[in-house]
PDB file of N, CA and C in Angstrom:
ATOM      1  N   GLY A   1      62.282  -5.706 -34.234  1.00  0.00           N
ATOM      2  CA  GLY A   1      61.510  -4.829 -35.597  1.00  0.00           C
ATOM      3  C   GLY A   1      62.222  -3.607 -35.034  1.00  0.00           C
ATOM      4  N   ILE A   2      63.183  -3.307 -34.451  1.00  0.00           N
ATOM      5  CA  ILE A   2      63.888  -2.059 -34.000  1.00  0.00           C
ATOM      6  C   ILE A   2      65.157  -1.366 -34.633  1.00  0.00           C
ATOM      7  N   HIS A   3      65.439  -2.799 -35.662  1.00  0.00           N
ATOM      8  CA  HIS A   3      66.846  -2.940 -35.464  1.00  0.00           C
ATOM      9  C   HIS A   3      67.825  -2.417 -34.954  1.00  0.00           C
ATOM     10  N   GLY A   4      67.946  -2.842 -33.714  1.00  0.00           N
ATOM     11  CA  GLY A   4      68.729  -2.404 -32.719  1.00  0.00           C
ATOM     12  C   GLY A   4      69.781  -3.128 -32.630  1.00  0.00           C
ATOM     13  N   ILE A   5      71.100  -2.844 -32.161  1.00  0.00           N
ATOM     14  CA  ILE A   5      72.326  -3.373 -32.044  1.00  0.00           C
ATOM     15  C   ILE A   5      72.832  -3.231 -30.527  1.00  0.00           C
ATOM     16  N   ASN A   6      72.984  -4.722 -30.091  1.00  0.00           N
ATOM     17  CA  ASN A   6      73.799  -4.502 -29.106  1.00  0.00           C
ATOM     18  C   ASN A   6      75.075  -4.486 -29.154  1.00  0.00           C
ATOM     19  N   PHE A   7      76.331  -4.161 -28.327  1.00  0.00           N
ATOM     20  CA  PHE A   7      77.533  -4.163 -28.198  1.00  0.00           C
ATOM     21  C   PHE A   7      78.208  -3.699 -27.143  1.00  0.00           C
ATOM     22  N   LEU A   8      79.297  -4.022 -26.644  1.00  0.00           N
ATOM     23  CA  LEU A   8      80.173  -4.091 -26.047  1.00  0.00           C
ATOM     24  C   LEU A   8      81.521  -2.825 -25.804  1.00  0.00           C
ATOM     25  N   LEU A   9      81.751  -2.053 -25.290  1.00  0.00           N
ATOM     26  CA  LEU A   9      83.140  -1.562 -25.322  1.00  0.00           C
ATOM     27  C   LEU A   9      84.030  -1.710 -23.917  1.00  0.00           C
ATOM     28  N   ALA A  10      84.632  -2.593 -24.624  1.00  0.00           N
ATOM     29  CA  ALA A  10      85.842  -3.183 -23.548  1.00  0.00           C
ATOM     30  C   ALA A  10      86.600  -2.598 -22.602  1.00  0.00           C
ATOM     31  N   GLU A  11      86.588  -2.093 -21.593  1.00  0.00           N
ATOM     32  CA  GLU A  11      87.648  -1.359 -21.248  1.00  0.00           C
ATOM     33  C   GLU A  11      87.658   0.150 -21.374  1.00  0.00           C
ATOM     34  N   SER A  12      86.434   0.520 -22.140  1.00  0.00           N
ATOM     35  CA  SER A  12      86.177   2.066 -22.626  1.00  0.00           C
ATOM     36  C   SER A  12      86.716   2.508 -21.044  1.00  0.00           C
ATOM     37  N   LEU A  13      85.885   2.427 -19.918  1.00  0.00           N
ATOM     38  CA  LEU A  13      85.838   3.518 -18.782  1.00  0.00           C
ATOM     39  C   LEU A  13      87.196   2.939 -18.136  1.00  0.00           C
ATOM     40  N   ASP A  14      88.285   2.016 -17.998  1.00  0.00           N
ATOM     41  CA  ASP A  14      89.229   2.341 -17.843  1.00  0.00           C
ATOM     42  C   ASP A  14      88.927   1.591 -15.731  1.00  0.00           C
ATOM     43  N   GLY A  15      87.516   0.966 -16.204  1.00  0.00           N
ATOM     44  CA  GLY A  15      87.262   0.305 -14.355  1.00  0.00           C
ATOM     45  C   GLY A  15      86.596   1.509 -13.743  1.00  0.00           C
ATOM     46  N   GLY A  16      86.586   2.463 -14.631  1.00  0.00           N
ATOM     47  CA  GLY A  16      85.229   3.583 -13.636  1.00  0.00           C
ATOM     48  C   GLY A  16      84.029   3.416 -13.266  1.00  0.00           C
ATOM     49  N   GLY A  17      83.520   2.789 -14.815  1.00  0.00           N
ATOM     50  CA  GLY A  17      82.248   2.822 -14.614  1.00  0.00           C
ATOM     51  C   GLY A  17      81.710   1.285 -13.718  1.00  0.00           C
ATOM     52  N   VAL A  18      82.201   0.279 -13.614  1.00  0.00           N
ATOM     53  CA  VAL A  18      82.142  -0.664 -13.025  1.00  0.00           C
ATOM     54  C   VAL A  18      82.016  -0.422 -11.267  1.00  0.00           C
ATOM     55  N   SER A  19      82.999   0.199 -11.655  1.00  0.00           N
ATOM     56  CA  SER A  19      83.127   0.451  -9.608  1.00  0.00           C
ATOM     57  C   SER A  19      82.804   1.793  -8.920  1.00  0.00           C
ATOM     58  N   SER A  20      81.577   2.840 -10.068  1.00  0.00           N
ATOM     59  CA  SER A  20      80.975   3.474  -9.977  1.00  0.00           C
ATOM     60  C   SER A  20      79.448   3.142  -9.615  1.00  0.00           C
ATOM     61  N   LEU A  21      78.614   3.592  -8.742  1.00  0.00           N
ATOM     62  CA  LEU A  21      77.322   3.890  -8.592  1.00  0.00           C
ATOM     63  C   LEU A  21      76.755   4.325  -9.528  1.00  0.00           C
ATOM     64  N   HIS A  22      77.186   5.169 -10.114  1.00  0.00           N
ATOM     65  CA  HIS A  22      76.210   6.334 -11.102  1.00  0.00           C
ATOM     66  C   HIS A  22      77.045   5.873 -12.570  1.00  0.00           C
ATOM     67  N   LEU A  23      76.245   4.915 -13.406  1.00  0.00           N
ATOM     68  CA  LEU A  23      75.863   4.135 -14.171  1.00  0.00           C
ATOM     69  C   LEU A  23      75.411   5.394 -15.299  1.00  0.00           C
ATOM     70  N   ASP A  24      74.470   5.762 -15.137  1.00  0.00           N
ATOM     71  CA  ASP A  24      73.506   6.667 -16.098  1.00  0.00           C
ATOM     72  C   ASP A  24      74.225   7.585 -16.670  1.00  0.00           C
ATOM     73  N   PRO A  25      74.626   8.435 -16.046  1.00  0.00           N
ATOM     74  CA  PRO A  25      74.985   9.689 -16.649  1.00  0.00           C
ATOM     75  C   PRO A  25      76.423   9.058 -17.916  1.00  0.00           C
ATOM     76  N   GLN A  26      77.450   8.073 -17.332  1.00  0.00           N
ATOM     77  CA  GLN A  26      78.265   7.630 -18.335  1.00  0.00           C
ATOM     78  C   GLN A  26      77.511   6.688 -19.166  1.00  0.00           C
ATOM     79  N   GLY A  27      76.282   6.373 -19.420  1.00  0.00           N
ATOM     80  CA  GLY A  27      75.571   5.398 -20.587  1.00  0.00           C
ATOM     81  C   GLY A  27      75.358   6.500 -21.396  1.00  0.00           C
ATOM     82  N   LYS A  28      74.539   7.880 -20.721  1.00  0.00           N
ATOM     83  CA  LYS A  28      73.889   8.756 -21.638  1.00  0.00           C
ATOM     84  C   LYS A  28      74.848   9.387 -22.346  1.00  0.00           C
ATOM     85  N   THR A  29      75.793   9.965 -22.399  1.00  0.00           N
ATOM     86  CA  THR A  29      77.177  10.452 -22.962  1.00  0.00           C
ATOM     87  C   THR A  29      77.901   9.100 -23.499  1.00  0.00           C
ATOM     88  N   TYR A  30      78.157   8.388 -23.695  1.00  0.00           N
ATOM     89  CA  TYR A  30      78.230   7.232 -25.009  1.00  0.00           C
ATOM     90  C   TYR A  30      77.156   7.164 -25.773  1.00  0.00           C
ATOM     91  N   SER A  31      75.999   7.343 -25.363  1.00  0.00           N
ATOM     92  CA  SER A  31      74.836   6.838 -26.193  1.00  0.00           C
ATOM     93  C   SER A  31      74.658   8.194 -27.105  1.00  0.00           C
ATOM     94  N   GLN A  32      75.156   9.428 -26.735  1.00  0.00           N
ATOM     95  CA  GLN A  32      74.922  10.812 -27.590  1.00  0.00           C
ATOM     96  C   GLN A  32      76.094  10.130 -28.311  1.00  0.00           C
ATOM     97  N   VAL A  33      77.438  10.036 -28.141  1.00  0.00           N
ATOM     98  CA  VAL A  33      78.389   9.899 -29.363  1.00  0.00           C
ATOM     99  C   VAL A  33      78.117   9.109 -30.467  1.00  0.00           C
ATOM    100  N   LEU A  34      77.462   7.540 -30.045  1.00  0.00           N
ATOM    101  CA  LEU A  34      77.431   7.021 -30.632  1.00  0.00           C
ATOM    102  C   LEU A  34      75.900   7.732 -32.281  1.00  0.00           C
ATOM    103  N   LEU A  35      75.391   8.112 -31.133  1.00  0.00           N
ATOM    104  CA  LEU A  35      73.881   8.701 -31.979  1.00  0.00           C
ATOM    105  C   LEU A  35      74.369   9.521 -33.267  1.00  0.00           C
ATOM    106  N   GLU A  36      75.714  10.450 -33.104  1.00  0.00           N
ATOM    107  CA  GLU A  36      76.264  11.679 -34.010  1.00  0.00           C
ATOM    108  C   GLU A  36      77.042  10.593 -34.955  1.00  0.00           C
ATOM    109  N   LEU A  37      77.539   9.243 -35.199  1.00  0.00           N
ATOM    110  CA  LEU A  37      78.262   8.707 -35.979  1.00  0.00           C
ATOM    111  C   LEU A  37      77.423   8.042 -37.112  1.00  0.00           C
ATOM    112  N   GLU A  38      78.196   8.251 -38.554  1.00  0.00           N
ATOM    113  CA  GLU A  38      77.654   7.783 -39.101  1.00  0.00           C
ATOM    114  C   GLU A  38      78.241   6.043 -40.023  1.00  0.00           C
ATOM    115  N   ILE A  39      77.630   5.021 -39.651  1.00  0.00           N
ATOM    116  CA  ILE A  39      78.082   3.940 -40.040  1.00  0.00           C
ATOM    117  C   ILE A  39      77.624   3.658 -41.873  1.00  0.00           C
ATOM    118  N   PRO A  40      78.600   2.988 -42.325  1.00  0.00           N
ATOM    119  CA  PRO A  40      78.377   2.587 -43.704  1.00  0.00           C
ATOM    120  C   PRO A  40      77.962   1.538 -43.965  1.00  0.00           C
ATOM    121  N   VAL A  41      76.763   1.072 -44.625  1.00  0.00           N
ATOM    122  CA  VAL A  41      76.421  -0.251 -44.738  1.00  0.00           C
ATOM    123  C   VAL A  41      76.429  -0.283 -45.843  1.00  0.00           C
ATOM    124  N   PRO A  42      76.403  -1.348 -46.520  1.00  0.00           N
ATOM    125  CA  PRO A  42      76.210  -1.798 -47.765  1.00  0.00           C
ATOM    126  C   PRO A  42      75.087  -1.729 -48.458  1.00  0.00           C
ATOM    127  N   GLU A  43      74.545  -1.130 -49.666  1.00  0.00           N
ATOM    128  CA  GLU A  43      73.293  -1.584 -49.768  1.00  0.00           C
ATOM    129  C   GLU A  43      72.547  -2.614 -50.013  1.00  0.00           C
ATOM    130  N   GLN A  44      73.692  -4.250 -49.625  1.00  0.00           N
ATOM    131  CA  GLN A  44      72.440  -5.351 -49.993  1.00  0.00           C
ATOM    132  C   GLN A  44      72.282  -5.675 -48.693  1.00  0.00           C
ATOM    133  N   ASP A  45      72.915  -5.412 -47.550  1.00  0.00           N
ATOM    134  CA  ASP A  45      72.829  -5.567 -46.320  1.00  0.00           C
ATOM    135  C   ASP A  45      71.439  -4.443 -46.013  1.00  0.00           C
ATOM    136  N   ALA A  46      71.663  -3.072 -46.100  1.00  0.00           N
ATOM    137  CA  ALA A  46      70.317  -2.392 -45.772  1.00  0.00           C
ATOM    138  C   ALA A  46      69.333  -3.012 -46.477  1.00  0.00           C
ATOM    139  N   ARG A  47      69.566  -3.736 -47.417  1.00  0.00           N
ATOM    140  CA  ARG A  47      68.198  -4.053 -48.346  1.00  0.00           C
ATOM    141  C   ARG A  47      67.404  -5.307 -47.626  1.00  0.00           C
ATOM    142  N   ASN A  48      68.609  -6.019 -47.088  1.00  0.00           N
ATOM    143  CA  ASN A  48      68.527  -7.683 -46.410  1.00  0.00           C
ATOM    144  C   ASN A  48      67.539  -7.278 -45.422  1.00  0.00           C
ATOM    145  N   TRP A  49      67.911  -5.727 -44.136  1.00  0.00           N
ATOM    146  CA  TRP A  49      67.647  -5.671 -43.009  1.00  0.00           C
ATOM    147  C   TRP A  49      66.650  -4.751 -43.259  1.00  0.00           C
ATOM    148  N   GLY A  50      65.996  -4.305 -44.016  1.00  0.00           N
ATOM    149  CA  GLY A  50      64.710  -3.894 -44.797  1.00  0.00           C
ATOM    150  C   GLY A  50      64.649  -1.988 -44.129  1.00  0.00           C
ATOM    151  N   LEU A  51      66.138  -1.645 -44.293  1.00  0.00           N
ATOM    152  CA  LEU A  51      66.815  -0.078 -44.336  1.00  0.00           C
ATOM    153  C   LEU A  51      66.145   0.561 -45.407  1.00  0.00           C
ATOM    154  N   ILE A  52      65.795   0.121 -46.373  1.00  0.00           N
ATOM    155  CA  ILE A  52      66.237   1.028 -47.823  1.00  0.00           C
ATOM    156  C   ILE A  52      64.760  -0.331 -48.322  1.00  0.00           C
TER     157      ILE A  52
END
């Protein structure tokens, strides 16, 4: 019920995130960038998903 989306950023860190033991700062950086994005959603989909 939180309207969450799971996604994968393939090859976004060029192996850096996988080889690093410090994943948390990288995740926080990406999450902040994603929170700033505006994603267009067709009105019918928004209604179906209960967003409006």
